[in-house]
Protein backbone atom coordinates (compact mmCIF):
# COMPACT_ATOMS: atom_id res chain seq x y z
CA MET A 1 48.45 -55.77 51.16
CA GLN A 2 50.23 -52.63 52.10
CA LYS A 3 49.65 -48.99 51.40
CA ASN A 4 52.08 -47.68 48.81
CA SER A 5 53.60 -44.31 49.69
CA LYS A 6 56.40 -44.22 47.10
CA ASN A 7 54.24 -43.75 44.00
CA THR A 8 51.47 -41.23 43.70
CA PHE A 9 49.23 -43.22 41.35
CA LEU A 10 49.44 -46.63 43.08
CA ASP A 11 47.16 -47.20 46.05
CA ARG A 12 48.17 -50.67 47.23
CA THR A 13 50.72 -53.40 46.53
CA GLU A 14 50.47 -57.13 47.16
CA TYR A 15 53.28 -59.72 47.12
CA ARG A 16 52.62 -63.39 46.33
CA SER A 17 55.10 -66.24 46.03
CA ASP A 18 55.11 -66.09 42.23
CA ARG A 19 53.77 -62.62 41.35
CA TYR A 20 53.38 -59.03 42.47
CA PHE A 21 50.23 -56.92 42.23
CA TRP A 22 49.85 -53.15 42.03
CA TYR A 23 46.48 -51.50 42.60
CA ALA A 24 45.36 -48.03 41.56
CA GLU A 25 41.88 -46.61 42.07
CA THR A 26 42.27 -44.27 39.08
CA LEU A 27 44.64 -44.26 36.12
CA TYR A 28 44.39 -41.31 33.81
CA PRO A 29 45.15 -41.67 30.10
CA TRP A 30 48.93 -41.70 29.88
CA ILE A 31 51.84 -44.00 29.17
CA TYR A 32 52.92 -45.74 32.37
CA ASN A 33 56.28 -47.54 32.60
CA ALA A 34 57.10 -50.14 35.24
CA ASP A 35 60.55 -51.56 35.94
CA TYR A 36 61.19 -54.63 38.03
CA LEU A 37 64.15 -56.78 38.99
CA ILE A 38 64.32 -60.56 38.78
CA ARG A 39 67.10 -62.79 40.11
CA LEU A 40 68.08 -65.80 38.00
CA THR A 41 70.23 -68.01 40.19
CA HIS A 42 70.89 -71.16 38.13
CA ALA A 43 72.27 -71.89 34.68
CA TRP A 44 69.17 -72.41 32.55
CA GLU A 45 67.07 -70.95 29.76
CA TYR A 46 64.30 -68.88 31.35
CA ASN A 47 61.07 -67.73 29.72
CA VAL A 48 59.68 -64.77 31.62
CA LYS A 49 55.93 -64.33 31.29
CA PRO A 50 54.66 -60.98 30.04
CA ALA A 51 53.44 -58.39 32.49
CA ARG A 52 49.67 -57.89 32.33
CA ILE A 53 47.45 -55.00 33.37
CA SER A 54 43.65 -55.10 33.48
CA GLU A 55 40.65 -53.44 35.04
CA PHE A 56 39.60 -55.14 38.26
CA TYR A 57 35.94 -55.71 37.38
CA ASP A 58 36.28 -55.84 33.59
CA VAL A 59 39.22 -58.09 32.70
CA ALA A 60 38.31 -57.81 29.01
CA VAL A 61 40.07 -54.41 29.13
CA PHE A 62 43.76 -55.28 29.40
CA GLY A 63 47.27 -54.81 28.05
CA THR A 64 50.40 -56.98 28.10
CA SER A 65 54.13 -56.61 27.59
CA ASN A 66 56.39 -58.89 25.56
CA THR A 67 57.70 -62.29 26.65
CA LYS A 68 61.44 -62.35 27.38
CA LYS A 69 63.98 -65.18 27.17
CA PHE A 70 67.14 -65.27 29.25
CA LEU A 71 69.97 -67.79 28.85
CA ILE A 72 72.23 -68.12 31.90
CA GLU A 73 75.36 -70.21 31.28
């Protein structure tokens, strides 16, 4: 994990081979938007899983984004 200095509300970030985690000690009621870049390198139909956010100790409180499909020819 590394300390995140670019964003004021994120405390830590963590990279894994298949996912990326953001950590925040406190999130105040607001609408938060996150943009990310993916690289699709082969011709294929890709199904990108939805992004998910949840409380660390109470995963019953969560939100998700939509699933996306990409067709690379």
